[in-house]
Amino acid sequence: MSSVVDGDEPVIGVGPHSRPWPSDGRYDQELLEHGDKRNVADKYRYWTVEAIKADLDKSRVDLHVAIENWQHDMNIGTIVRNANAFNVAAVHIIGKRHWNRRGAMVTDRYMTIVHHQTVDEFMTAMKGDKRTIVAIDNQKGAVPLSKTALPEKAVLVFGGEGPGLSPEMIAASEMMVMIEQFGSTRSVNVGVASGIMMYAWINHFILTTDN
């Protein structure tokens, strides 16, 4: 559970673990003693960060996500948090090494995050992994998501809020996909767009096949 109500005050997480404590190495002694207030699924209560990440590594989906970080966009944290929610295999940060982690809500601790200084460096790494670069943008030449077959071995690339993807990244991509919109705004927030795109991939390659 993420929270319970104690009188009028919400209590986040869970309190100290009852004794006797679990004895295996997955558990954090400090959390067992003082309680676990983190935003984690119930099965990971009291686990160490390392143990949670190791368990998630066993079930990662073969999807990568990449973000161009030229302007220190605060939406990067949201994209990383979405990547954690869908348990993607890796997140690539292209450009500045430091990024605004606030929106990630510490979920970056459970992810594999790779930094690339340039688009060329990123492109070389993806080519070595035989991974299709999919630009997510609504620039000229983009195809609607509803009419697109996303590749299974893909890396979905997102740009900064406002400028979108760089010309270098557009040129490096093998396809560009847009999310259809029906209102007055020019574009969907990039953090929202990332969640839509990751779910679309998961729905096709994971949820549909599971059923």
N, C-alpha and C. Protein backbone atom coordinates (compact mmCIF):
# COMPACT_ATOMS: atom_id res chain seq x y z
N MET A 1 0.84 -1.19 0.00
CA MET A 1 0.00 0.00 0.00
C MET A 1 0.88 1.23 0.00
N SER A 2 0.41 2.30 -0.68
CA SER A 2 1.20 3.50 -0.77
C SER A 2 0.90 4.46 0.36
N SER A 3 -0.30 4.37 0.92
CA SER A 3 -0.62 5.24 2.04
C SER A 3 -1.84 4.71 2.77
N VAL A 4 -1.93 5.04 4.04
CA VAL A 4 -3.10 4.72 4.83
C VAL A 4 -3.48 5.98 5.59
N VAL A 5 -4.70 6.04 6.06
CA VAL A 5 -5.15 7.24 6.77
C VAL A 5 -5.12 6.97 8.26
N ASP A 6 -4.43 7.83 8.99
CA ASP A 6 -4.35 7.73 10.45
C ASP A 6 -5.00 8.99 11.00
N GLY A 7 -6.29 8.88 11.35
CA GLY A 7 -7.03 10.06 11.74
C GLY A 7 -7.23 10.93 10.52
N ASP A 8 -6.79 12.20 10.61
CA ASP A 8 -6.91 13.11 9.48
C ASP A 8 -5.61 13.19 8.69
N GLU A 9 -4.55 12.53 9.15
CA GLU A 9 -3.25 12.63 8.51
C GLU A 9 -2.93 11.38 7.70
N PRO A 10 -2.62 11.53 6.41
CA PRO A 10 -2.21 10.36 5.63
C PRO A 10 -0.82 9.90 6.04
N VAL A 11 -0.65 8.60 6.14
CA VAL A 11 0.66 8.03 6.48
C VAL A 11 1.19 7.33 5.24
N ILE A 12 2.33 7.80 4.75
CA ILE A 12 2.88 7.27 3.51
C ILE A 12 3.68 6.00 3.79
N GLY A 13 3.46 4.96 2.99
CA GLY A 13 4.26 3.75 3.13
C GLY A 13 3.84 2.89 4.31
N VAL A 14 4.83 2.22 4.89
CA VAL A 14 4.58 1.33 6.03
C VAL A 14 5.55 1.64 7.15
N GLY A 15 5.17 1.27 8.36
CA GLY A 15 6.01 1.52 9.52
C GLY A 15 7.05 0.44 9.73
N PRO A 16 7.70 0.43 10.88
CA PRO A 16 8.72 -0.59 11.17
C PRO A 16 8.16 -2.00 11.02
N HIS A 17 9.02 -2.91 10.55
CA HIS A 17 8.61 -4.30 10.33
C HIS A 17 8.53 -5.02 11.67
N SER A 18 7.50 -5.85 11.82
CA SER A 18 7.37 -6.64 13.05
C SER A 18 8.49 -7.67 13.14
N ARG A 19 8.87 -8.03 14.32
CA ARG A 19 9.90 -9.04 14.52
C ARG A 19 9.26 -10.42 14.65
N PRO A 20 9.98 -11.47 14.28
CA PRO A 20 11.37 -11.47 13.80
C PRO A 20 11.48 -10.92 12.37
N TRP A 21 12.57 -10.22 12.06
CA TRP A 21 12.80 -9.64 10.75
C TRP A 21 13.18 -10.71 9.73
N PRO A 22 12.86 -10.47 8.45
CA PRO A 22 13.35 -11.37 7.39
C PRO A 22 14.87 -11.41 7.43
N SER A 23 15.45 -12.56 7.15
CA SER A 23 16.90 -12.72 7.32
C SER A 23 17.70 -12.69 6.02
N ASP A 24 17.00 -12.74 4.86
CA ASP A 24 17.79 -12.79 3.62
C ASP A 24 18.31 -11.40 3.24
N GLY A 25 19.28 -11.39 2.34
CA GLY A 25 20.02 -10.18 2.03
C GLY A 25 19.28 -9.13 1.23
N ARG A 26 18.05 -9.40 0.80
CA ARG A 26 17.31 -8.40 0.03
C ARG A 26 16.85 -7.24 0.89
N TYR A 27 16.78 -7.45 2.18
CA TYR A 27 16.16 -6.46 3.06
C TYR A 27 17.16 -5.46 3.64
N ASP A 28 16.69 -4.21 3.76
CA ASP A 28 17.48 -3.11 4.29
C ASP A 28 17.20 -3.00 5.79
N GLN A 29 18.23 -3.19 6.59
CA GLN A 29 18.06 -3.20 8.04
C GLN A 29 17.48 -1.88 8.57
N GLU A 30 17.89 -0.79 7.96
CA GLU A 30 17.40 0.52 8.40
C GLU A 30 15.91 0.67 8.13
N LEU A 31 15.48 0.20 6.95
CA LEU A 31 14.06 0.28 6.61
C LEU A 31 13.23 -0.64 7.50
N LEU A 32 13.75 -1.81 7.79
CA LEU A 32 13.04 -2.73 8.68
C LEU A 32 12.82 -2.10 10.05
N GLU A 33 13.80 -1.36 10.49
CA GLU A 33 13.73 -0.76 11.83
C GLU A 33 12.85 0.48 11.88
N HIS A 34 12.96 1.32 10.83
CA HIS A 34 12.29 2.62 10.89
C HIS A 34 11.07 2.75 9.98
N GLY A 35 10.85 1.79 9.10
CA GLY A 35 9.73 1.86 8.18
C GLY A 35 10.17 2.24 6.78
N ASP A 36 9.30 2.00 5.80
CA ASP A 36 9.61 2.23 4.40
C ASP A 36 8.58 3.21 3.82
N LYS A 37 9.00 4.44 3.58
CA LYS A 37 8.11 5.49 3.08
C LYS A 37 8.28 5.72 1.57
N ARG A 38 9.01 4.86 0.90
CA ARG A 38 9.27 5.05 -0.52
C ARG A 38 8.04 4.72 -1.37
N ASN A 39 8.02 5.27 -2.58
CA ASN A 39 6.96 4.98 -3.53
C ASN A 39 7.33 3.73 -4.33
N VAL A 40 7.21 2.57 -3.69
CA VAL A 40 7.52 1.31 -4.34
C VAL A 40 6.34 0.36 -4.20
N ALA A 41 6.28 -0.62 -5.10
CA ALA A 41 5.23 -1.63 -5.03
C ALA A 41 5.34 -2.42 -3.73
N ASP A 42 4.23 -2.95 -3.27
CA ASP A 42 4.20 -3.66 -2.00
C ASP A 42 5.23 -4.78 -1.90
N LYS A 43 5.46 -5.50 -3.02
CA LYS A 43 6.40 -6.64 -2.98
C LYS A 43 7.82 -6.19 -2.67
N TYR A 44 8.12 -4.89 -2.89
CA TYR A 44 9.48 -4.39 -2.66
C TYR A 44 9.64 -3.64 -1.34
N ARG A 45 8.63 -3.68 -0.50
CA ARG A 45 8.73 -3.02 0.80
C ARG A 45 9.92 -3.58 1.60
N TYR A 46 10.71 -2.68 2.11
CA TYR A 46 11.87 -2.97 2.96
C TYR A 46 13.08 -3.52 2.17
N TRP A 47 12.95 -3.69 0.85
CA TRP A 47 14.08 -4.18 0.07
C TRP A 47 15.11 -3.07 -0.14
N THR A 48 16.36 -3.44 -0.34
CA THR A 48 17.38 -2.47 -0.70
C THR A 48 17.17 -2.04 -2.15
N VAL A 49 17.73 -0.88 -2.51
CA VAL A 49 17.65 -0.41 -3.89
C VAL A 49 18.28 -1.42 -4.83
N GLU A 50 19.43 -1.97 -4.44
CA GLU A 50 20.14 -2.94 -5.27
C GLU A 50 19.31 -4.19 -5.51
N ALA A 51 18.60 -4.64 -4.48
CA ALA A 51 17.78 -5.85 -4.62
C ALA A 51 16.59 -5.60 -5.54
N ILE A 52 15.99 -4.42 -5.44
CA ILE A 52 14.86 -4.08 -6.30
C ILE A 52 15.31 -4.03 -7.75
N LYS A 53 16.42 -3.35 -8.01
CA LYS A 53 16.92 -3.24 -9.38
C LYS A 53 17.26 -4.63 -9.94
N ALA A 54 17.89 -5.47 -9.13
CA ALA A 54 18.25 -6.81 -9.60
C ALA A 54 17.01 -7.62 -9.95
N ASP A 55 15.94 -7.46 -9.18
CA ASP A 55 14.71 -8.18 -9.47
C ASP A 55 14.05 -7.65 -10.73
N LEU A 56 14.04 -6.33 -10.90
CA LEU A 56 13.48 -5.74 -12.12
C LEU A 56 14.26 -6.16 -13.36
N ASP A 57 15.57 -6.32 -13.21
CA ASP A 57 16.41 -6.73 -14.34
C ASP A 57 16.00 -8.08 -14.92
N LYS A 58 15.35 -8.90 -14.11
CA LYS A 58 14.94 -10.22 -14.57
C LYS A 58 13.76 -10.16 -15.54
N SER A 59 13.03 -9.03 -15.55
CA SER A 59 11.81 -8.97 -16.36
C SER A 59 11.73 -7.71 -17.22
N ARG A 60 12.87 -7.09 -17.52
CA ARG A 60 12.85 -5.91 -18.38
C ARG A 60 12.28 -6.25 -19.75
N VAL A 61 11.54 -5.30 -20.32
CA VAL A 61 11.07 -5.48 -21.70
C VAL A 61 12.15 -4.95 -22.64
N ASP A 62 12.23 -5.49 -23.84
CA ASP A 62 13.30 -5.13 -24.77
C ASP A 62 12.97 -3.85 -25.52
N LEU A 63 12.72 -2.81 -24.76
CA LEU A 63 12.46 -1.48 -25.32
C LEU A 63 13.43 -0.50 -24.68
N HIS A 64 14.03 0.38 -25.49
CA HIS A 64 14.89 1.44 -24.99
C HIS A 64 14.21 2.78 -25.23
N VAL A 65 14.55 3.74 -24.39
CA VAL A 65 14.04 5.10 -24.52
C VAL A 65 15.22 6.05 -24.49
N ALA A 66 15.18 7.09 -25.31
CA ALA A 66 16.26 8.07 -25.35
C ALA A 66 15.71 9.48 -25.27
N ILE A 67 16.49 10.38 -24.67
CA ILE A 67 16.06 11.76 -24.48
C ILE A 67 17.22 12.69 -24.83
N GLU A 68 16.95 13.67 -25.69
CA GLU A 68 17.95 14.68 -25.96
C GLU A 68 17.93 15.71 -24.82
N ASN A 69 19.08 15.95 -24.22
CA ASN A 69 19.16 16.83 -23.06
C ASN A 69 20.08 18.02 -23.38
N TRP A 70 19.57 18.93 -24.17
CA TRP A 70 20.37 20.11 -24.52
C TRP A 70 19.97 21.31 -23.67
N GLN A 71 18.77 21.29 -23.09
CA GLN A 71 18.26 22.46 -22.37
C GLN A 71 17.92 22.17 -20.91
N HIS A 72 18.39 21.06 -20.37
CA HIS A 72 18.09 20.70 -18.98
C HIS A 72 16.57 20.68 -18.73
N ASP A 73 15.86 20.00 -19.60
CA ASP A 73 14.40 19.95 -19.56
C ASP A 73 13.91 19.18 -18.34
N MET A 74 13.00 19.80 -17.58
CA MET A 74 12.49 19.14 -16.37
C MET A 74 11.62 17.93 -16.70
N ASN A 75 11.17 17.80 -17.96
CA ASN A 75 10.34 16.66 -18.34
C ASN A 75 11.13 15.35 -18.40
N ILE A 76 12.46 15.43 -18.40
CA ILE A 76 13.27 14.21 -18.46
C ILE A 76 12.94 13.30 -17.29
N GLY A 77 12.78 13.89 -16.12
CA GLY A 77 12.44 13.09 -14.94
C GLY A 77 11.15 12.33 -15.12
N THR A 78 10.16 12.96 -15.73
CA THR A 78 8.87 12.29 -15.99
C THR A 78 9.05 11.12 -16.95
N ILE A 79 9.86 11.32 -17.97
CA ILE A 79 10.10 10.25 -18.94
C ILE A 79 10.79 9.07 -18.27
N VAL A 80 11.76 9.35 -17.40
CA VAL A 80 12.45 8.28 -16.67
C VAL A 80 11.47 7.55 -15.76
N ARG A 81 10.60 8.29 -15.10
CA ARG A 81 9.60 7.65 -14.23
C ARG A 81 8.68 6.75 -15.05
N ASN A 82 8.26 7.21 -16.23
CA ASN A 82 7.44 6.37 -17.10
C ASN A 82 8.20 5.11 -17.53
N ALA A 83 9.47 5.28 -17.83
CA ALA A 83 10.30 4.14 -18.24
C ALA A 83 10.39 3.11 -17.13
N ASN A 84 10.44 3.59 -15.89
CA ASN A 84 10.44 2.66 -14.76
C ASN A 84 9.09 1.95 -14.64
N ALA A 85 8.01 2.69 -14.85
CA ALA A 85 6.67 2.10 -14.73
C ALA A 85 6.48 0.96 -15.73
N PHE A 86 7.06 1.11 -16.92
CA PHE A 86 6.93 0.08 -17.95
C PHE A 86 8.13 -0.86 -17.98
N ASN A 87 9.07 -0.65 -17.06
CA ASN A 87 10.24 -1.53 -16.86
C ASN A 87 11.03 -1.74 -18.16
N VAL A 88 11.34 -0.63 -18.84
CA VAL A 88 12.12 -0.73 -20.07
C VAL A 88 13.57 -1.09 -19.76
N ALA A 89 14.24 -1.60 -20.77
CA ALA A 89 15.59 -2.14 -20.55
C ALA A 89 16.62 -1.06 -20.28
N ALA A 90 16.49 0.12 -20.91
CA ALA A 90 17.50 1.16 -20.72
C ALA A 90 16.95 2.51 -21.12
N VAL A 91 17.51 3.55 -20.49
CA VAL A 91 17.21 4.94 -20.83
C VAL A 91 18.52 5.59 -21.25
N HIS A 92 18.51 6.27 -22.40
CA HIS A 92 19.70 6.95 -22.91
C HIS A 92 19.52 8.46 -22.79
N ILE A 93 20.50 9.14 -22.22
CA ILE A 93 20.49 10.59 -22.14
C ILE A 93 21.55 11.10 -23.11
N ILE A 94 21.13 11.94 -24.05
CA ILE A 94 22.04 12.44 -25.09
C ILE A 94 22.26 13.94 -24.88
N GLY A 95 23.52 14.34 -24.76
CA GLY A 95 23.83 15.75 -24.54
C GLY A 95 24.43 15.95 -23.17
N LYS A 96 23.85 16.85 -22.37
CA LYS A 96 24.37 17.14 -21.04
C LYS A 96 24.22 15.92 -20.14
N ARG A 97 25.27 15.63 -19.40
CA ARG A 97 25.23 14.47 -18.50
C ARG A 97 24.25 14.69 -17.35
N HIS A 98 24.23 15.89 -16.80
CA HIS A 98 23.35 16.19 -15.67
C HIS A 98 21.95 16.55 -16.16
N TRP A 99 20.96 15.99 -15.52
CA TRP A 99 19.58 16.27 -15.90
C TRP A 99 18.73 16.44 -14.65
N ASN A 100 17.59 17.08 -14.80
CA ASN A 100 16.70 17.38 -13.68
C ASN A 100 16.01 16.10 -13.21
N ARG A 101 16.43 15.61 -12.06
CA ARG A 101 15.92 14.33 -11.56
C ARG A 101 14.65 14.45 -10.72
N ARG A 102 14.21 15.64 -10.47
CA ARG A 102 13.09 15.84 -9.56
C ARG A 102 11.84 15.05 -9.98
N GLY A 103 11.50 15.14 -11.27
CA GLY A 103 10.30 14.46 -11.74
C GLY A 103 10.41 12.95 -11.75
N ALA A 104 11.64 12.43 -11.66
CA ALA A 104 11.83 10.98 -11.67
C ALA A 104 11.40 10.33 -10.37
N MET A 105 11.27 11.13 -9.30
CA MET A 105 10.85 10.60 -8.00
C MET A 105 11.71 9.40 -7.58
N VAL A 106 13.03 9.54 -7.77
CA VAL A 106 14.08 8.57 -7.43
C VAL A 106 13.95 7.23 -8.17
N THR A 107 13.07 7.15 -9.17
CA THR A 107 12.95 5.90 -9.93
C THR A 107 14.20 5.63 -10.77
N ASP A 108 15.01 6.67 -11.01
CA ASP A 108 16.25 6.46 -11.78
C ASP A 108 17.19 5.48 -11.10
N ARG A 109 17.06 5.31 -9.79
CA ARG A 109 17.90 4.37 -9.05
C ARG A 109 17.67 2.93 -9.49
N TYR A 110 16.49 2.68 -10.02
CA TYR A 110 16.14 1.31 -10.39
C TYR A 110 16.31 1.05 -11.89
N MET A 111 16.87 2.03 -12.61
CA MET A 111 16.97 1.93 -14.06
C MET A 111 18.42 1.84 -14.51
N THR A 112 18.60 1.32 -15.73
CA THR A 112 19.90 1.38 -16.40
C THR A 112 19.89 2.64 -17.26
N ILE A 113 20.73 3.62 -16.90
CA ILE A 113 20.77 4.89 -17.61
C ILE A 113 22.14 5.06 -18.24
N VAL A 114 22.15 5.32 -19.55
CA VAL A 114 23.39 5.42 -20.32
C VAL A 114 23.50 6.84 -20.88
N HIS A 115 24.70 7.44 -20.79
CA HIS A 115 24.90 8.79 -21.31
C HIS A 115 25.70 8.76 -22.60
N HIS A 116 25.29 9.60 -23.56
CA HIS A 116 26.00 9.79 -24.82
C HIS A 116 26.23 11.28 -25.00
N GLN A 117 27.44 11.67 -25.30
CA GLN A 117 27.73 13.10 -25.45
C GLN A 117 27.14 13.69 -26.72
N THR A 118 27.06 12.90 -27.77
CA THR A 118 26.60 13.41 -29.07
C THR A 118 25.59 12.46 -29.70
N VAL A 119 24.88 12.99 -30.71
CA VAL A 119 23.96 12.16 -31.47
C VAL A 119 24.71 11.06 -32.20
N ASP A 120 25.88 11.39 -32.74
CA ASP A 120 26.68 10.39 -33.45
C ASP A 120 27.08 9.24 -32.54
N GLU A 121 27.47 9.57 -31.31
CA GLU A 121 27.85 8.53 -30.34
C GLU A 121 26.66 7.63 -30.03
N PHE A 122 25.49 8.24 -29.85
CA PHE A 122 24.26 7.49 -29.60
C PHE A 122 23.93 6.59 -30.79
N MET A 123 24.01 7.16 -32.01
CA MET A 123 23.67 6.42 -33.22
C MET A 123 24.59 5.21 -33.39
N THR A 124 25.86 5.37 -33.09
CA THR A 124 26.81 4.26 -33.21
C THR A 124 26.45 3.14 -32.23
N ALA A 125 26.08 3.53 -31.01
CA ALA A 125 25.71 2.53 -30.00
C ALA A 125 24.45 1.77 -30.42
N MET A 126 23.47 2.47 -30.97
CA MET A 126 22.23 1.82 -31.38
C MET A 126 22.46 0.90 -32.59
N LYS A 127 23.34 1.33 -33.49
CA LYS A 127 23.67 0.50 -34.64
C LYS A 127 24.35 -0.79 -34.19
N GLY A 128 25.23 -0.68 -33.19
CA GLY A 128 25.90 -1.86 -32.64
C GLY A 128 24.93 -2.82 -31.98
N ASP A 129 23.84 -2.28 -31.44
CA ASP A 129 22.81 -3.09 -30.78
C ASP A 129 21.73 -3.54 -31.77
N LYS A 130 21.88 -3.12 -33.04
CA LYS A 130 20.90 -3.43 -34.08
C LYS A 130 19.50 -2.98 -33.67
N ARG A 131 19.43 -1.76 -33.13
CA ARG A 131 18.18 -1.22 -32.61
C ARG A 131 17.69 -0.08 -33.52
N THR A 132 16.42 -0.10 -33.87
CA THR A 132 15.83 0.91 -34.75
C THR A 132 15.56 2.20 -33.98
N ILE A 133 16.08 3.31 -34.47
CA ILE A 133 15.86 4.61 -33.84
C ILE A 133 14.54 5.18 -34.34
N VAL A 134 13.60 5.40 -33.41
CA VAL A 134 12.28 5.92 -33.75
C VAL A 134 12.14 7.31 -33.13
N ALA A 135 12.10 8.34 -33.96
CA ALA A 135 11.92 9.71 -33.48
C ALA A 135 10.45 9.94 -33.15
N ILE A 136 10.17 10.51 -31.99
CA ILE A 136 8.80 10.84 -31.61
C ILE A 136 8.65 12.35 -31.68
N ASP A 137 7.99 12.82 -32.73
CA ASP A 137 7.86 14.26 -32.96
C ASP A 137 6.76 14.46 -33.99
N ASN A 138 6.28 15.70 -34.11
CA ASN A 138 5.23 15.98 -35.10
C ASN A 138 5.75 16.87 -36.21
N GLN A 139 7.03 16.78 -36.49
CA GLN A 139 7.61 17.54 -37.58
C GLN A 139 7.20 16.94 -38.93
N LYS A 140 7.48 17.67 -39.99
CA LYS A 140 7.11 17.23 -41.33
C LYS A 140 7.71 15.85 -41.63
N GLY A 141 6.90 14.98 -42.15
CA GLY A 141 7.34 13.63 -42.47
C GLY A 141 6.96 12.59 -41.44
N ALA A 142 6.40 13.03 -40.30
CA ALA A 142 5.99 12.08 -39.26
C ALA A 142 4.75 11.32 -39.69
N VAL A 143 4.67 10.04 -39.30
CA VAL A 143 3.49 9.22 -39.60
C VAL A 143 2.67 9.05 -38.32
N PRO A 144 1.34 9.02 -38.42
CA PRO A 144 0.49 8.89 -37.24
C PRO A 144 0.72 7.56 -36.51
N LEU A 145 0.68 7.60 -35.19
CA LEU A 145 0.88 6.40 -34.39
C LEU A 145 -0.13 5.32 -34.74
N SER A 146 -1.39 5.69 -34.97
CA SER A 146 -2.43 4.70 -35.25
C SER A 146 -2.21 3.94 -36.57
N LYS A 147 -1.37 4.51 -37.43
CA LYS A 147 -1.12 3.88 -38.73
C LYS A 147 0.31 3.37 -38.84
N THR A 148 0.95 3.20 -37.69
CA THR A 148 2.36 2.81 -37.68
C THR A 148 2.57 1.48 -36.99
N ALA A 149 3.39 0.64 -37.57
CA ALA A 149 3.81 -0.60 -36.92
C ALA A 149 5.16 -0.32 -36.26
N LEU A 150 5.17 -0.14 -34.96
CA LEU A 150 6.43 0.13 -34.27
C LEU A 150 7.33 -1.10 -34.35
N PRO A 151 8.63 -0.90 -34.54
CA PRO A 151 9.54 -2.05 -34.58
C PRO A 151 9.71 -2.66 -33.19
N GLU A 152 9.91 -3.96 -33.14
CA GLU A 152 10.04 -4.62 -31.83
C GLU A 152 11.33 -4.22 -31.13
N LYS A 153 12.43 -4.20 -31.86
CA LYS A 153 13.72 -3.84 -31.26
C LYS A 153 13.94 -2.34 -31.51
N ALA A 154 13.27 -1.53 -30.71
CA ALA A 154 13.23 -0.09 -30.95
C ALA A 154 13.85 0.69 -29.80
N VAL A 155 14.28 1.91 -30.15
CA VAL A 155 14.59 2.93 -29.14
C VAL A 155 13.75 4.14 -29.50
N LEU A 156 12.87 4.54 -28.61
CA LEU A 156 11.99 5.68 -28.83
C LEU A 156 12.71 6.94 -28.34
N VAL A 157 12.85 7.93 -29.22
CA VAL A 157 13.65 9.11 -28.90
C VAL A 157 12.76 10.34 -28.76
N PHE A 158 12.95 11.06 -27.65
CA PHE A 158 12.15 12.25 -27.35
C PHE A 158 13.06 13.47 -27.24
N GLY A 159 12.54 14.61 -27.69
CA GLY A 159 13.29 15.86 -27.61
C GLY A 159 12.83 16.72 -26.46
N GLY A 160 13.34 17.92 -26.40
CA GLY A 160 12.97 18.84 -25.34
C GLY A 160 11.59 19.43 -25.56
N GLU A 161 10.94 19.85 -24.48
CA GLU A 161 9.64 20.49 -24.57
C GLU A 161 9.80 21.81 -25.32
N GLY A 162 9.07 21.97 -26.41
CA GLY A 162 9.18 23.19 -27.20
C GLY A 162 9.93 22.96 -28.49
N PRO A 163 11.26 22.86 -28.44
CA PRO A 163 12.02 22.70 -29.69
C PRO A 163 11.88 21.32 -30.33
N GLY A 164 11.53 20.32 -29.54
CA GLY A 164 11.43 18.97 -30.09
C GLY A 164 12.80 18.39 -30.36
N LEU A 165 12.86 17.45 -31.28
CA LEU A 165 14.12 16.79 -31.59
C LEU A 165 15.01 17.66 -32.48
N SER A 166 16.30 17.48 -32.33
CA SER A 166 17.26 18.23 -33.13
C SER A 166 17.27 17.72 -34.57
N PRO A 167 17.69 18.56 -35.53
CA PRO A 167 17.80 18.10 -36.91
C PRO A 167 18.73 16.89 -37.04
N GLU A 168 19.79 16.85 -36.22
CA GLU A 168 20.73 15.73 -36.25
C GLU A 168 20.05 14.42 -35.85
N MET A 169 19.17 14.50 -34.84
CA MET A 169 18.49 13.29 -34.41
C MET A 169 17.44 12.85 -35.42
N ILE A 170 16.75 13.80 -36.00
CA ILE A 170 15.77 13.46 -37.05
C ILE A 170 16.47 12.74 -38.20
N ALA A 171 17.64 13.25 -38.58
CA ALA A 171 18.40 12.63 -39.67
C ALA A 171 18.89 11.24 -39.29
N ALA A 172 19.19 11.03 -38.02
CA ALA A 172 19.71 9.74 -37.55
C ALA A 172 18.60 8.69 -37.41
N SER A 173 17.36 9.12 -37.29
CA SER A 173 16.26 8.20 -37.05
C SER A 173 15.85 7.48 -38.34
N GLU A 174 15.31 6.30 -38.17
CA GLU A 174 14.86 5.50 -39.31
C GLU A 174 13.37 5.69 -39.59
N MET A 175 12.66 6.25 -38.61
CA MET A 175 11.26 6.59 -38.81
C MET A 175 10.87 7.64 -37.77
N MET A 176 9.84 8.44 -38.09
CA MET A 176 9.36 9.46 -37.16
C MET A 176 7.86 9.28 -36.97
N VAL A 177 7.44 9.23 -35.71
CA VAL A 177 6.05 8.95 -35.38
C VAL A 177 5.45 10.12 -34.60
N MET A 178 4.22 10.45 -34.94
CA MET A 178 3.50 11.51 -34.22
C MET A 178 2.25 10.93 -33.56
N ILE A 179 1.86 11.55 -32.44
CA ILE A 179 0.63 11.16 -31.76
C ILE A 179 -0.48 12.09 -32.24
N GLU A 180 -1.54 11.51 -32.79
CA GLU A 180 -2.64 12.33 -33.30
C GLU A 180 -3.27 13.16 -32.19
N GLN A 181 -3.62 14.41 -32.51
CA GLN A 181 -4.27 15.31 -31.56
C GLN A 181 -5.51 15.94 -32.20
N PHE A 182 -6.42 16.41 -31.36
CA PHE A 182 -7.68 16.92 -31.88
C PHE A 182 -8.08 18.25 -31.25
N GLY A 183 -7.19 18.83 -30.45
CA GLY A 183 -7.48 20.12 -29.84
C GLY A 183 -6.71 21.25 -30.48
N SER A 184 -6.52 22.35 -29.74
CA SER A 184 -5.90 23.55 -30.30
C SER A 184 -4.40 23.63 -30.06
N THR A 185 -3.88 22.88 -29.11
CA THR A 185 -2.46 22.99 -28.80
C THR A 185 -1.61 22.33 -29.89
N ARG A 186 -0.39 22.84 -30.06
CA ARG A 186 0.45 22.36 -31.15
C ARG A 186 1.01 20.97 -30.89
N SER A 187 1.26 20.67 -29.62
CA SER A 187 1.89 19.38 -29.32
C SER A 187 1.51 18.88 -27.93
N VAL A 188 1.59 17.59 -27.75
CA VAL A 188 1.40 16.97 -26.44
C VAL A 188 2.67 17.18 -25.62
N ASN A 189 2.53 17.41 -24.33
CA ASN A 189 3.69 17.50 -23.45
C ASN A 189 4.56 16.26 -23.63
N VAL A 190 5.87 16.45 -23.69
CA VAL A 190 6.77 15.34 -24.02
C VAL A 190 6.74 14.24 -22.96
N GLY A 191 6.51 14.61 -21.70
CA GLY A 191 6.39 13.59 -20.66
C GLY A 191 5.16 12.73 -20.88
N VAL A 192 4.05 13.36 -21.25
CA VAL A 192 2.81 12.64 -21.56
C VAL A 192 3.02 11.77 -22.80
N ALA A 193 3.66 12.36 -23.83
CA ALA A 193 3.90 11.63 -25.07
C ALA A 193 4.71 10.36 -24.82
N SER A 194 5.68 10.44 -23.92
CA SER A 194 6.50 9.26 -23.65
C SER A 194 5.68 8.13 -23.07
N GLY A 195 4.75 8.47 -22.17
CA GLY A 195 3.89 7.44 -21.59
C GLY A 195 3.00 6.79 -22.62
N ILE A 196 2.45 7.60 -23.53
CA ILE A 196 1.59 7.07 -24.59
C ILE A 196 2.38 6.12 -25.49
N MET A 197 3.57 6.54 -25.88
CA MET A 197 4.36 5.73 -26.81
C MET A 197 4.85 4.43 -26.17
N MET A 198 5.28 4.51 -24.93
CA MET A 198 5.74 3.29 -24.25
C MET A 198 4.59 2.31 -24.09
N TYR A 199 3.40 2.83 -23.72
CA TYR A 199 2.25 1.94 -23.57
C TYR A 199 1.87 1.32 -24.92
N ALA A 200 1.93 2.11 -25.99
CA ALA A 200 1.60 1.56 -27.32
C ALA A 200 2.52 0.40 -27.66
N TRP A 201 3.81 0.54 -27.37
CA TRP A 201 4.76 -0.54 -27.64
C TRP A 201 4.46 -1.75 -26.75
N ILE A 202 4.27 -1.51 -25.47
CA ILE A 202 3.97 -2.58 -24.51
C ILE A 202 2.69 -3.31 -24.90
N ASN A 203 1.67 -2.55 -25.29
CA ASN A 203 0.39 -3.14 -25.65
C ASN A 203 0.53 -4.10 -26.83
N HIS A 204 1.35 -3.72 -27.81
CA HIS A 204 1.49 -4.55 -29.01
C HIS A 204 2.37 -5.77 -28.78
N PHE A 205 3.51 -5.56 -28.11
CA PHE A 205 4.50 -6.64 -28.03
C PHE A 205 4.43 -7.46 -26.73
N ILE A 206 3.80 -6.94 -25.71
CA ILE A 206 3.75 -7.66 -24.43
C ILE A 206 2.32 -8.06 -24.07
N LEU A 207 1.43 -7.09 -23.97
CA LEU A 207 0.07 -7.38 -23.51
C LEU A 207 -0.71 -8.22 -24.52
N THR A 208 -0.59 -7.88 -25.79
CA THR A 208 -1.33 -8.62 -26.83
C THR A 208 -0.85 -10.07 -26.93
N THR A 209 0.46 -10.26 -26.87
CA THR A 209 1.00 -11.62 -26.98
C THR A 209 0.69 -12.45 -25.74
N ASP A 210 0.62 -11.78 -24.57
CA ASP A 210 0.29 -12.49 -23.33
C ASP A 210 -1.13 -13.04 -23.37
N ASN A 211 -2.00 -12.34 -24.08
CA ASN A 211 -3.39 -12.77 -24.15
C ASN A 211 -3.59 -13.81 -25.25
